[in-house]
Amino acid sequence: MNPTTAPSATPPAPAMATGRDRSRFWAGLSAALFVPAVLAAGVLLLSSERVSGCVMYGVQCAKGLPGWLFVWSACIGAVAFVVALAAPALRVRQVALAAQLFAECTALLVILSYYA
């Protein structure tokens, strides 16, 4: 048998091995940037008249952040982050990354829209 006509014994490289799949990287980056984004949203809100008046003088204070919506969004984002890191299938990781980004954006929008 001619060695040039023999089929290759090595399987083709999967997408993640060639560097085209960055879903785990983006999931980690967005999770790492979530806490600074929440802090930045808080600082941004302190520049508004309503929140700064509440902090300084105790007037026009809201009852508080709707905790259930923020907590659910943050928990869904955390679960999606774990799935994006641990799932073996590329499509599952991509969907989990999209769910994570959506949940984190929802949590940030809850903060910004409730106090603004």
PDB file of N, CA and C in Angstrom:
ATOM      1  N   MET A   1       0.839  -1.179   0.000  1.00  0.00           N
ATOM      2  CA  MET A   1       0.000   0.000   0.000  1.00  0.00           C
ATOM      3  C   MET A   1       0.885   1.242   0.000  1.00  0.00           C
ATOM      4  N   ASN A   2       0.539   2.184  -0.795  1.00  0.00           N
ATOM      5  CA  ASN A   2       1.287   3.416  -0.931  1.00  0.00           C
ATOM      6  C   ASN A   2       0.942   4.341   0.241  1.00  0.00           C
ATOM      7  N   PRO A   3       1.927   4.860   0.991  1.00  0.00           N
ATOM      8  CA  PRO A   3       1.622   5.698   2.148  1.00  0.00           C
ATOM      9  C   PRO A   3       1.001   7.038   1.760  1.00  0.00           C
ATOM     10  N   THR A   4       1.143   7.476   0.556  1.00  0.00           N
ATOM     11  CA  THR A   4       0.549   8.748   0.152  1.00  0.00           C
ATOM     12  C   THR A   4      -0.947   8.634  -0.092  1.00  0.00           C
ATOM     13  N   THR A   5      -1.454   7.421  -0.319  1.00  0.00           N
ATOM     14  CA  THR A   5      -2.888   7.261  -0.561  1.00  0.00           C
ATOM     15  C   THR A   5      -3.640   6.809   0.672  1.00  0.00           C
ATOM     16  N   ALA A   6      -2.946   6.514   1.769  1.00  0.00           N
ATOM     17  CA  ALA A   6      -3.610   6.061   2.997  1.00  0.00           C
ATOM     18  C   ALA A   6      -4.347   7.230   3.636  1.00  0.00           C
ATOM     19  N   PRO A   7      -5.518   6.948   4.208  1.00  0.00           N
ATOM     20  CA  PRO A   7      -6.250   8.035   4.872  1.00  0.00           C
ATOM     21  C   PRO A   7      -5.513   8.492   6.126  1.00  0.00           C
ATOM     22  N   SER A   8      -5.743   9.710   6.488  1.00  0.00           N
ATOM     23  CA  SER A   8      -5.087  10.285   7.650  1.00  0.00           C
ATOM     24  C   SER A   8      -5.650   9.664   8.924  1.00  0.00           C
ATOM     25  N   ALA A   9      -4.778   9.354   9.873  1.00  0.00           N
ATOM     26  CA  ALA A   9      -5.199   8.742  11.128  1.00  0.00           C
ATOM     27  C   ALA A   9      -5.682   9.776  12.133  1.00  0.00           C
ATOM     28  N   THR A  10      -5.366  11.033  11.919  1.00  0.00           N
ATOM     29  CA  THR A  10      -5.788  12.067  12.863  1.00  0.00           C
ATOM     30  C   THR A  10      -7.094  12.686  12.396  1.00  0.00           C
ATOM     31  N   PRO A  11      -8.044  12.867  13.309  1.00  0.00           N
ATOM     32  CA  PRO A  11      -9.310  13.501  12.937  1.00  0.00           C
ATOM     33  C   PRO A  11      -9.108  14.995  12.707  1.00  0.00           C
ATOM     34  N   PRO A  12     -10.031  15.630  12.009  1.00  0.00           N
ATOM     35  CA  PRO A  12      -9.901  17.072  11.811  1.00  0.00           C
ATOM     36  C   PRO A  12     -10.044  17.802  13.144  1.00  0.00           C
ATOM     37  N   ALA A  13      -9.390  18.925  13.253  1.00  0.00           N
ATOM     38  CA  ALA A  13      -9.404  19.694  14.500  1.00  0.00           C
ATOM     39  C   ALA A  13     -10.776  20.319  14.719  1.00  0.00           C
ATOM     40  N   PRO A  14     -11.292  20.258  15.941  1.00  0.00           N
ATOM     41  CA  PRO A  14     -12.573  20.906  16.212  1.00  0.00           C
ATOM     42  C   PRO A  14     -12.423  22.419  16.176  1.00  0.00           C
ATOM     43  N   ALA A  15     -13.555  23.099  16.162  1.00  0.00           N
ATOM     44  CA  ALA A  15     -13.541  24.555  16.031  1.00  0.00           C
ATOM     45  C   ALA A  15     -12.832  25.223  17.197  1.00  0.00           C
ATOM     46  N   MET A  16     -13.010  24.699  18.417  1.00  0.00           N
ATOM     47  CA  MET A  16     -12.394  25.355  19.551  1.00  0.00           C
ATOM     48  C   MET A  16     -10.880  25.180  19.565  1.00  0.00           C
ATOM     49  N   ALA A  17     -10.375  24.122  18.975  1.00  0.00           N
ATOM     50  CA  ALA A  17      -8.935  23.910  18.953  1.00  0.00           C
ATOM     51  C   ALA A  17      -8.246  24.839  17.954  1.00  0.00           C
ATOM     52  N   THR A  18      -8.948  25.271  16.946  1.00  0.00           N
ATOM     53  CA  THR A  18      -8.345  26.154  15.956  1.00  0.00           C
ATOM     54  C   THR A  18      -8.436  27.617  16.355  1.00  0.00           C
ATOM     55  N   GLY A  19      -9.121  27.937  17.465  1.00  0.00           N
ATOM     56  CA  GLY A  19      -9.178  29.312  17.928  1.00  0.00           C
ATOM     57  C   GLY A  19     -10.363  30.093  17.415  1.00  0.00           C
ATOM     58  N   ARG A  20     -11.255  29.469  16.675  1.00  0.00           N
ATOM     59  CA  ARG A  20     -12.404  30.209  16.162  1.00  0.00           C
ATOM     60  C   ARG A  20     -13.499  30.371  17.205  1.00  0.00           C
ATOM     61  N   ASP A  21     -13.549  29.513  18.201  1.00  0.00           N
ATOM     62  CA  ASP A  21     -14.566  29.592  19.242  1.00  0.00           C
ATOM     63  C   ASP A  21     -14.040  30.402  20.410  1.00  0.00           C
ATOM     64  N   ARG A  22     -14.641  31.533  20.625  1.00  0.00           N
ATOM     65  CA  ARG A  22     -14.243  32.415  21.717  1.00  0.00           C
ATOM     66  C   ARG A  22     -15.346  32.554  22.749  1.00  0.00           C
ATOM     67  N   SER A  23     -16.335  31.658  22.763  1.00  0.00           N
ATOM     68  CA  SER A  23     -17.473  31.814  23.662  1.00  0.00           C
ATOM     69  C   SER A  23     -17.056  31.726  25.122  1.00  0.00           C
ATOM     70  N   ARG A  24     -16.125  30.855  25.458  1.00  0.00           N
ATOM     71  CA  ARG A  24     -15.667  30.765  26.851  1.00  0.00           C
ATOM     72  C   ARG A  24     -14.927  32.033  27.274  1.00  0.00           C
ATOM     73  N   PHE A  25     -14.128  32.570  26.376  1.00  0.00           N
ATOM     74  CA  PHE A  25     -13.421  33.819  26.673  1.00  0.00           C
ATOM     75  C   PHE A  25     -14.400  34.961  26.921  1.00  0.00           C
ATOM     76  N   TRP A  26     -15.381  35.108  26.028  1.00  0.00           N
ATOM     77  CA  TRP A  26     -16.345  36.203  26.166  1.00  0.00           C
ATOM     78  C   TRP A  26     -17.247  36.018  27.381  1.00  0.00           C
ATOM     79  N   ALA A  27     -17.566  34.775  27.725  1.00  0.00           N
ATOM     80  CA  ALA A  27     -18.362  34.512  28.920  1.00  0.00           C
ATOM     81  C   ALA A  27     -17.591  34.931  30.168  1.00  0.00           C
ATOM     82  N   GLY A  28     -16.315  34.583  30.219  1.00  0.00           N
ATOM     83  CA  GLY A  28     -15.492  34.978  31.362  1.00  0.00           C
ATOM     84  C   GLY A  28     -15.288  36.476  31.448  1.00  0.00           C
ATOM     85  N   LEU A  29     -15.075  37.089  30.307  1.00  0.00           N
ATOM     86  CA  LEU A  29     -14.876  38.539  30.287  1.00  0.00           C
ATOM     87  C   LEU A  29     -16.130  39.282  30.716  1.00  0.00           C
ATOM     88  N   SER A  30     -17.280  38.866  30.209  1.00  0.00           N
ATOM     89  CA  SER A  30     -18.517  39.558  30.580  1.00  0.00           C
ATOM     90  C   SER A  30     -18.867  39.318  32.046  1.00  0.00           C
ATOM     91  N   ALA A  31     -18.549  38.143  32.580  1.00  0.00           N
ATOM     92  CA  ALA A  31     -18.780  37.901  34.004  1.00  0.00           C
ATOM     93  C   ALA A  31     -17.833  38.749  34.858  1.00  0.00           C
ATOM     94  N   ALA A  32     -16.595  38.883  34.412  1.00  0.00           N
ATOM     95  CA  ALA A  32     -15.633  39.689  35.162  1.00  0.00           C
ATOM     96  C   ALA A  32     -15.975  41.176  35.132  1.00  0.00           C
ATOM     97  N   LEU A  33     -16.581  41.621  34.054  1.00  0.00           N
ATOM     98  CA  LEU A  33     -16.917  43.043  33.923  1.00  0.00           C
ATOM     99  C   LEU A  33     -18.289  43.400  34.471  1.00  0.00           C
ATOM    100  N   PHE A  34     -19.045  42.404  34.940  1.00  0.00           N
ATOM    101  CA  PHE A  34     -20.397  42.679  35.430  1.00  0.00           C
ATOM    102  C   PHE A  34     -20.369  43.527  36.708  1.00  0.00           C
ATOM    103  N   VAL A  35     -19.524  43.174  37.662  1.00  0.00           N
ATOM    104  CA  VAL A  35     -19.458  43.930  38.924  1.00  0.00           C
ATOM    105  C   VAL A  35     -18.975  45.366  38.684  1.00  0.00           C
ATOM    106  N   PRO A  36     -17.923  45.601  37.907  1.00  0.00           N
ATOM    107  CA  PRO A  36     -17.567  47.000  37.624  1.00  0.00           C
ATOM    108  C   PRO A  36     -18.673  47.763  36.874  1.00  0.00           C
ATOM    109  N   ALA A  37     -19.431  47.059  36.044  1.00  0.00           N
ATOM    110  CA  ALA A  37     -20.536  47.725  35.346  1.00  0.00           C
ATOM    111  C   ALA A  37     -21.631  48.132  36.324  1.00  0.00           C
ATOM    112  N   VAL A  38     -21.900  47.287  37.312  1.00  0.00           N
ATOM    113  CA  VAL A  38     -22.899  47.642  38.337  1.00  0.00           C
ATOM    114  C   VAL A  38     -22.407  48.838  39.143  1.00  0.00           C
ATOM    115  N   LEU A  39     -21.133  48.839  39.500  1.00  0.00           N
ATOM    116  CA  LEU A  39     -20.575  49.984  40.235  1.00  0.00           C
ATOM    117  C   LEU A  39     -20.601  51.255  39.394  1.00  0.00           C
ATOM    118  N   ALA A  40     -20.300  51.143  38.109  1.00  0.00           N
ATOM    119  CA  ALA A  40     -20.350  52.310  37.225  1.00  0.00           C
ATOM    120  C   ALA A  40     -21.785  52.822  37.098  1.00  0.00           C
ATOM    121  N   ALA A  41     -22.758  51.911  37.042  1.00  0.00           N
ATOM    122  CA  ALA A  41     -24.159  52.330  36.986  1.00  0.00           C
ATOM    123  C   ALA A  41     -24.542  53.067  38.269  1.00  0.00           C
ATOM    124  N   GLY A  42     -24.034  52.592  39.403  1.00  0.00           N
ATOM    125  CA  GLY A  42     -24.310  53.277  40.668  1.00  0.00           C
ATOM    126  C   GLY A  42     -23.708  54.666  40.706  1.00  0.00           C
ATOM    127  N   VAL A  43     -22.494  54.811  40.226  1.00  0.00           N
ATOM    128  CA  VAL A  43     -21.859  56.129  40.176  1.00  0.00           C
ATOM    129  C   VAL A  43     -22.605  57.038  39.204  1.00  0.00           C
ATOM    130  N   LEU A  44     -23.023  56.478  38.089  1.00  0.00           N
ATOM    131  CA  LEU A  44     -23.796  57.263  37.123  1.00  0.00           C
ATOM    132  C   LEU A  44     -25.113  57.735  37.722  1.00  0.00           C
ATOM    133  N   LEU A  45     -25.742  56.895  38.504  1.00  0.00           N
ATOM    134  CA  LEU A  45     -27.001  57.284  39.130  1.00  0.00           C
ATOM    135  C   LEU A  45     -26.810  58.360  40.187  1.00  0.00           C
ATOM    136  N   LEU A  46     -25.668  58.358  40.853  1.00  0.00           N
ATOM    137  CA  LEU A  46     -25.421  59.392  41.853  1.00  0.00           C
ATOM    138  C   LEU A  46     -25.348  60.784  41.240  1.00  0.00           C
ATOM    139  N   SER A  47     -25.125  60.864  39.947  1.00  0.00           N
ATOM    140  CA  SER A  47     -25.095  62.170  39.292  1.00  0.00           C
ATOM    141  C   SER A  47     -26.500  62.676  38.974  1.00  0.00           C
ATOM    142  N   SER A  48     -27.521  61.846  39.132  1.00  0.00           N
ATOM    143  CA  SER A  48     -28.881  62.314  38.864  1.00  0.00           C
ATOM    144  C   SER A  48     -29.419  63.080  40.081  1.00  0.00           C
ATOM    145  N   GLU A  49     -30.339  63.973  39.832  1.00  0.00           N
ATOM    146  CA  GLU A  49     -30.876  64.826  40.881  1.00  0.00           C
ATOM    147  C   GLU A  49     -31.683  64.025  41.903  1.00  0.00           C
ATOM    148  N   ARG A  50     -32.418  63.063  41.422  1.00  0.00           N
ATOM    149  CA  ARG A  50     -33.287  62.287  42.312  1.00  0.00           C
ATOM    150  C   ARG A  50     -32.467  61.450  43.299  1.00  0.00           C
ATOM    151  N   VAL A  51     -31.491  60.732  42.807  1.00  0.00           N
ATOM    152  CA  VAL A  51     -30.699  59.853  43.672  1.00  0.00           C
ATOM    153  C   VAL A  51     -29.793  60.663  44.582  1.00  0.00           C
ATOM    154  N   SER A  52     -29.167  61.705  44.063  1.00  0.00           N
ATOM    155  CA  SER A  52     -28.295  62.510  44.917  1.00  0.00           C
ATOM    156  C   SER A  52     -29.111  63.240  45.982  1.00  0.00           C
ATOM    157  N   GLY A  53     -30.337  63.671  45.659  1.00  0.00           N
ATOM    158  CA  GLY A  53     -31.213  64.275  46.665  1.00  0.00           C
ATOM    159  C   GLY A  53     -31.621  63.285  47.739  1.00  0.00           C
ATOM    160  N   CYS A  54     -31.842  62.063  47.322  1.00  0.00           N
ATOM    161  CA  CYS A  54     -32.180  61.008  48.284  1.00  0.00           C
ATOM    162  C   CYS A  54     -31.009  60.711  49.215  1.00  0.00           C
ATOM    163  N   VAL A  55     -29.805  60.646  48.643  1.00  0.00           N
ATOM    164  CA  VAL A  55     -28.629  60.329  49.456  1.00  0.00           C
ATOM    165  C   VAL A  55     -28.282  61.495  50.381  1.00  0.00           C
ATOM    166  N   MET A  56     -28.341  62.720  49.874  1.00  0.00           N
ATOM    167  CA  MET A  56     -27.901  63.867  50.661  1.00  0.00           C
ATOM    168  C   MET A  56     -28.964  64.346  51.650  1.00  0.00           C
ATOM    169  N   TYR A  57     -30.235  64.428  51.196  1.00  0.00           N
ATOM    170  CA  TYR A  57     -31.262  65.067  52.012  1.00  0.00           C
ATOM    171  C   TYR A  57     -32.407  64.142  52.414  1.00  0.00           C
ATOM    172  N   GLY A  58     -32.482  62.979  51.843  1.00  0.00           N
ATOM    173  CA  GLY A  58     -33.549  62.045  52.191  1.00  0.00           C
ATOM    174  C   GLY A  58     -34.888  62.363  51.544  1.00  0.00           C
ATOM    175  N   VAL A  59     -34.888  63.112  50.460  1.00  0.00           N
ATOM    176  CA  VAL A  59     -36.135  63.451  49.763  1.00  0.00           C
ATOM    177  C   VAL A  59     -36.222  62.678  48.452  1.00  0.00           C
ATOM    178  N   GLN A  60     -37.420  62.414  47.999  1.00  0.00           N
ATOM    179  CA  GLN A  60     -37.703  61.706  46.754  1.00  0.00           C
ATOM    180  C   GLN A  60     -37.039  60.328  46.714  1.00  0.00           C
ATOM    181  N   CYS A  61     -36.980  59.668  47.841  1.00  0.00           N
ATOM    182  CA  CYS A  61     -36.368  58.343  47.884  1.00  0.00           C
ATOM    183  C   CYS A  61     -37.370  57.289  47.446  1.00  0.00           C
ATOM    184  N   ALA A  62     -36.910  56.383  46.652  1.00  0.00           N
ATOM    185  CA  ALA A  62     -37.740  55.259  46.226  1.00  0.00           C
ATOM    186  C   ALA A  62     -37.724  54.194  47.323  1.00  0.00           C
ATOM    187  N   LYS A  63     -38.635  53.243  47.226  1.00  0.00           N
ATOM    188  CA  LYS A  63     -38.700  52.177  48.223  1.00  0.00           C
ATOM    189  C   LYS A  63     -37.478  51.278  48.172  1.00  0.00           C
ATOM    190  N   GLY A  64     -36.885  51.176  47.043  1.00  0.00           N
ATOM    191  CA  GLY A  64     -35.712  50.325  46.892  1.00  0.00           C
ATOM    192  C   GLY A  64     -35.746  49.597  45.564  1.00  0.00           C
ATOM    193  N   LEU A  65     -34.651  49.018  45.262  1.00  0.00           N
ATOM    194  CA  LEU A  65     -34.514  48.264  44.024  1.00  0.00           C
ATOM    195  C   LEU A  65     -35.452  47.062  44.044  1.00  0.00           C
ATOM    196  N   PRO A  66     -36.151  46.795  42.950  1.00  0.00           N
ATOM    197  CA  PRO A  66     -36.963  45.571  42.931  1.00  0.00           C
ATOM    198  C   PRO A  66     -36.044  44.354  42.955  1.00  0.00           C
ATOM    199  N   GLY A  67     -35.759  43.915  44.148  1.00  0.00           N
ATOM    200  CA  GLY A  67     -34.739  42.903  44.364  1.00  0.00           C
ATOM    201  C   GLY A  67     -34.976  41.605  43.622  1.00  0.00           C
ATOM    202  N   TRP A  68     -36.219  41.193  43.506  1.00  0.00           N
ATOM    203  CA  TRP A  68     -36.486  39.905  42.865  1.00  0.00           C
ATOM    204  C   TRP A  68     -36.060  39.908  41.414  1.00  0.00           C
ATOM    205  N   LEU A  69     -36.276  41.015  40.705  1.00  0.00           N
ATOM    206  CA  LEU A  69     -35.909  41.067  39.293  1.00  0.00           C
ATOM    207  C   LEU A  69     -34.389  41.100  39.117  1.00  0.00           C
ATOM    208  N   PHE A  70     -33.722  41.876  39.954  1.00  0.00           N
ATOM    209  CA  PHE A  70     -32.260  41.938  39.887  1.00  0.00           C
ATOM    210  C   PHE A  70     -31.651  40.590  40.251  1.00  0.00           C
ATOM    211  N   VAL A  71     -32.148  39.968  41.325  1.00  0.00           N
ATOM    212  CA  VAL A  71     -31.601  38.688  41.777  1.00  0.00           C
ATOM    213  C   VAL A  71     -31.827  37.601  40.730  1.00  0.00           C
ATOM    214  N   TRP A  72     -33.027  37.543  40.161  1.00  0.00           N
ATOM    215  CA  TRP A  72     -33.305  36.540  39.123  1.00  0.00           C
ATOM    216  C   TRP A  72     -32.406  36.755  37.916  1.00  0.00           C
ATOM    217  N   SER A  73     -32.219  37.988  37.503  1.00  0.00           N
ATOM    218  CA  SER A  73     -31.361  38.256  36.348  1.00  0.00           C
ATOM    219  C   SER A  73     -29.918  37.869  36.639  1.00  0.00           C
ATOM    220  N   ALA A  74     -29.435  38.217  37.820  1.00  0.00           N
ATOM    221  CA  ALA A  74     -28.061  37.878  38.172  1.00  0.00           C
ATOM    222  C   ALA A  74     -27.879  36.360  38.293  1.00  0.00           C
ATOM    223  N   CYS A  75     -28.873  35.674  38.856  1.00  0.00           N
ATOM    224  CA  CYS A  75     -28.768  34.205  38.989  1.00  0.00           C
ATOM    225  C   CYS A  75     -28.816  33.512  37.625  1.00  0.00           C
ATOM    226  N   ILE A  76     -29.689  33.973  36.757  1.00  0.00           N
ATOM    227  CA  ILE A  76     -29.753  33.402  35.403  1.00  0.00           C
ATOM    228  C   ILE A  76     -28.438  33.654  34.667  1.00  0.00           C
ATOM    229  N   GLY A  77     -27.874  34.840  34.848  1.00  0.00           N
ATOM    230  CA  GLY A  77     -26.576  35.134  34.249  1.00  0.00           C
ATOM    231  C   GLY A  77     -25.476  34.240  34.784  1.00  0.00           C
ATOM    232  N   ALA A  78     -25.503  33.940  36.095  1.00  0.00           N
ATOM    233  CA  ALA A  78     -24.491  33.068  36.684  1.00  0.00           C
ATOM    234  C   ALA A  78     -24.628  31.632  36.176  1.00  0.00           C
ATOM    235  N   VAL A  79     -25.856  31.151  36.071  1.00  0.00           N
ATOM    236  CA  VAL A  79     -26.078  29.795  35.557  1.00  0.00           C
ATOM    237  C   VAL A  79     -25.659  29.714  34.091  1.00  0.00           C
ATOM    238  N   ALA A  80     -26.000  30.725  33.317  1.00  0.00           N
ATOM    239  CA  ALA A  80     -25.603  30.734  31.906  1.00  0.00           C
ATOM    240  C   ALA A  80     -24.085  30.814  31.772  1.00  0.00           C
ATOM    241  N   PHE A  81     -23.423  31.508  32.682  1.00  0.00           N
ATOM    242  CA  PHE A  81     -21.964  31.576  32.679  1.00  0.00           C
ATOM    243  C   PHE A  81     -21.355  30.196  32.905  1.00  0.00           C
ATOM    244  N   VAL A  82     -21.896  29.462  33.867  1.00  0.00           N
ATOM    245  CA  VAL A  82     -21.386  28.112  34.142  1.00  0.00           C
ATOM    246  C   VAL A  82     -21.613  27.200  32.946  1.00  0.00           C
ATOM    247  N   VAL A  83     -22.782  27.308  32.327  1.00  0.00           N
ATOM    248  CA  VAL A  83     -23.075  26.486  31.146  1.00  0.00           C
ATOM    249  C   VAL A  83     -22.143  26.864  29.996  1.00  0.00           C
ATOM    250  N   ALA A  84     -21.895  28.153  29.833  1.00  0.00           N
ATOM    251  CA  ALA A  84     -21.009  28.588  28.745  1.00  0.00           C
ATOM    252  C   ALA A  84     -19.583  28.084  28.942  1.00  0.00           C
ATOM    253  N   LEU A  85     -19.180  27.900  30.170  1.00  0.00           N
ATOM    254  CA  LEU A  85     -17.835  27.383  30.421  1.00  0.00           C
ATOM    255  C   LEU A  85     -17.768  25.864  30.333  1.00  0.00           C
ATOM    256  N   ALA A  86     -18.823  25.185  30.752  1.00  0.00           N
ATOM    257  CA  ALA A  86     -18.751  23.737  30.918  1.00  0.00           C
ATOM    258  C   ALA A  86     -19.337  22.929  29.767  1.00  0.00           C
ATOM    259  N   ALA A  87     -20.155  23.521  28.945  1.00  0.00           N
ATOM    260  CA  ALA A  87     -20.821  22.758  27.883  1.00  0.00           C
ATOM    261  C   ALA A  87     -19.814  22.318  26.827  1.00  0.00           C
ATOM    262  N   PRO A  88     -19.915  21.069  26.393  1.00  0.00           N
ATOM    263  CA  PRO A  88     -18.976  20.595  25.380  1.00  0.00           C
ATOM    264  C   PRO A  88     -19.355  21.024  23.960  1.00  0.00           C
ATOM    265  N   ALA A  89     -20.629  21.262  23.712  1.00  0.00           N
ATOM    266  CA  ALA A  89     -21.079  21.594  22.357  1.00  0.00           C
ATOM    267  C   ALA A  89     -20.951  23.094  22.102  1.00  0.00           C
ATOM    268  N   LEU A  90     -20.461  23.433  20.938  1.00  0.00           N
ATOM    269  CA  LEU A  90     -20.250  24.827  20.569  1.00  0.00           C
ATOM    270  C   LEU A  90     -21.560  25.606  20.558  1.00  0.00           C
ATOM    271  N   ARG A  91     -22.590  25.048  19.982  1.00  0.00           N
ATOM    272  CA  ARG A  91     -23.870  25.761  19.879  1.00  0.00           C
ATOM    273  C   ARG A  91     -24.466  26.030  21.260  1.00  0.00           C
ATOM    274  N   VAL A  92     -24.329  25.094  22.180  1.00  0.00           N
ATOM    275  CA  VAL A  92     -24.841  25.280  23.542  1.00  0.00           C
ATOM    276  C   VAL A  92     -24.086  26.412  24.230  1.00  0.00           C
ATOM    277  N   ARG A  93     -22.783  26.465  24.051  1.00  0.00           N
ATOM    278  CA  ARG A  93     -21.994  27.541  24.644  1.00  0.00           C
ATOM    279  C   ARG A  93     -22.390  28.896  24.081  1.00  0.00           C
ATOM    280  N   GLN A  94     -22.645  28.952  22.793  1.00  0.00           N
ATOM    281  CA  GLN A  94     -23.037  30.217  22.183  1.00  0.00           C
ATOM    282  C   GLN A  94     -24.396  30.688  22.689  1.00  0.00           C
ATOM    283  N   VAL A  95     -25.330  29.778  22.823  1.00  0.00           N
ATOM    284  CA  VAL A  95     -26.657  30.136  23.350  1.00  0.00           C
ATOM    285  C   VAL A  95     -26.540  30.556  24.808  1.00  0.00           C
ATOM    286  N   ALA A  96     -25.718  29.852  25.584  1.00  0.00           N
ATOM    287  CA  ALA A  96     -25.524  30.217  26.988  1.00  0.00           C
ATOM    288  C   ALA A  96     -24.861  31.587  27.113  1.00  0.00           C
ATOM    289  N   LEU A  97     -23.937  31.891  26.239  1.00  0.00           N
ATOM    290  CA  LEU A  97     -23.311  33.212  26.247  1.00  0.00           C
ATOM    291  C   LEU A  97     -24.333  34.297  25.937  1.00  0.00           C
ATOM    292  N   ALA A  98     -25.196  34.054  24.965  1.00  0.00           N
ATOM    293  CA  ALA A  98     -26.248  35.025  24.646  1.00  0.00           C
ATOM    294  C   ALA A  98     -27.196  35.207  25.830  1.00  0.00           C
ATOM    295  N   ALA A  99     -27.551  34.122  26.489  1.00  0.00           N
ATOM    296  CA  ALA A  99     -28.428  34.213  27.662  1.00  0.00           C
ATOM    297  C   ALA A  99     -27.727  34.962  28.795  1.00  0.00           C
ATOM    298  N   GLN A 100     -26.448  34.724  28.970  1.00  0.00           N
ATOM    299  CA  GLN A 100     -25.691  35.424  30.010  1.00  0.00           C
ATOM    300  C   GLN A 100     -25.656  36.922  29.741  1.00  0.00           C
ATOM    301  N   LEU A 101     -25.363  37.300  28.525  1.00  0.00           N
ATOM    302  CA  LEU A 101     -25.319  38.727  28.184  1.00  0.00           C
ATOM    303  C   LEU A 101     -26.684  39.384  28.348  1.00  0.00           C
ATOM    304  N   PHE A 102     -27.734  38.687  27.946  1.00  0.00           N
ATOM    305  CA  PHE A 102     -29.083  39.215  28.097  1.00  0.00           C
ATOM    306  C   PHE A 102     -29.433  39.393  29.570  1.00  0.00           C
ATOM    307  N   ALA A 103     -29.112  38.417  30.397  1.00  0.00           N
ATOM    308  CA  ALA A 103     -29.428  38.499  31.823  1.00  0.00           C
ATOM    309  C   ALA A 103     -28.633  39.603  32.509  1.00  0.00           C
ATOM    310  N   GLU A 104     -27.369  39.754  32.152  1.00  0.00           N
ATOM    311  CA  GLU A 104     -26.562  40.809  32.755  1.00  0.00           C
ATOM    312  C   GLU A 104     -27.046  42.191  32.326  1.00  0.00           C
ATOM    313  N   CYS A 105     -27.414  42.337  31.075  1.00  0.00           N
ATOM    314  CA  CYS A 105     -27.958  43.619  30.607  1.00  0.00           C
ATOM    315  C   CYS A 105     -29.288  43.922  31.284  1.00  0.00           C
ATOM    316  N   THR A 106     -30.099  42.907  31.496  1.00  0.00           N
ATOM    317  CA  THR A 106     -31.368  43.104  32.194  1.00  0.00           C
ATOM    318  C   THR A 106     -31.127  43.574  33.622  1.00  0.00           C
ATOM    319  N   ALA A 107     -30.172  42.972  34.308  1.00  0.00           N
ATOM    320  CA  ALA A 107     -29.859  43.383  35.676  1.00  0.00           C
ATOM    321  C   ALA A 107     -29.363  44.831  35.713  1.00  0.00           C
ATOM    322  N   LEU A 108     -28.538  45.208  34.757  1.00  0.00           N
ATOM    323  CA  LEU A 108     -28.064  46.596  34.713  1.00  0.00           C
ATOM    324  C   LEU A 108     -29.196  47.561  34.383  1.00  0.00           C
ATOM    325  N   LEU A 109     -30.071  47.171  33.485  1.00  0.00           N
ATOM    326  CA  LEU A 109     -31.200  48.036  33.143  1.00  0.00           C
ATOM    327  C   LEU A 109     -32.176  48.181  34.296  1.00  0.00           C
ATOM    328  N   VAL A 110     -32.303  47.160  35.124  1.00  0.00           N
ATOM    329  CA  VAL A 110     -33.150  47.280  36.319  1.00  0.00           C
ATOM    330  C   VAL A 110     -32.606  48.371  37.215  1.00  0.00           C
ATOM    331  N   ILE A 111     -31.312  48.384  37.419  1.00  0.00           N
ATOM    332  CA  ILE A 111     -30.710  49.410  38.266  1.00  0.00           C
ATOM    333  C   ILE A 111     -30.907  50.796  37.661  1.00  0.00           C
ATOM    334  N   LEU A 112     -30.584  50.913  36.390  1.00  0.00           N
ATOM    335  CA  LEU A 112     -30.649  52.228  35.754  1.00  0.00           C
ATOM    336  C   LEU A 112     -32.072  52.748  35.602  1.00  0.00           C
ATOM    337  N   SER A 113     -33.002  51.896  35.244  1.00  0.00           N
ATOM    338  CA  SER A 113     -34.363  52.380  35.003  1.00  0.00           C
ATOM    339  C   SER A 113     -35.128  52.613  36.288  1.00  0.00           C
ATOM    340  N   TYR A 114     -34.821  51.892  37.341  1.00  0.00           N
ATOM    341  CA  TYR A 114     -35.589  52.070  38.570  1.00  0.00           C
ATOM    342  C   TYR A 114     -35.225  53.352  39.288  1.00  0.00           C
ATOM    343  N   TYR A 115     -33.974  53.702  39.285  1.00  0.00           N
ATOM    344  CA  TYR A 115     -33.546  54.891  40.017  1.00  0.00           C
ATOM    345  C   TYR A 115     -33.429  56.133  39.164  1.00  0.00           C
ATOM    346  N   ALA A 116     -33.392  55.990  37.875  1.00  0.00           N
ATOM    347  CA  ALA A 116     -33.208  57.173  37.011  1.00  0.00           C
ATOM    348  C   ALA A 116     -34.469  57.982  36.887  1.00  0.00           C
TER     349      ALA A 116
END
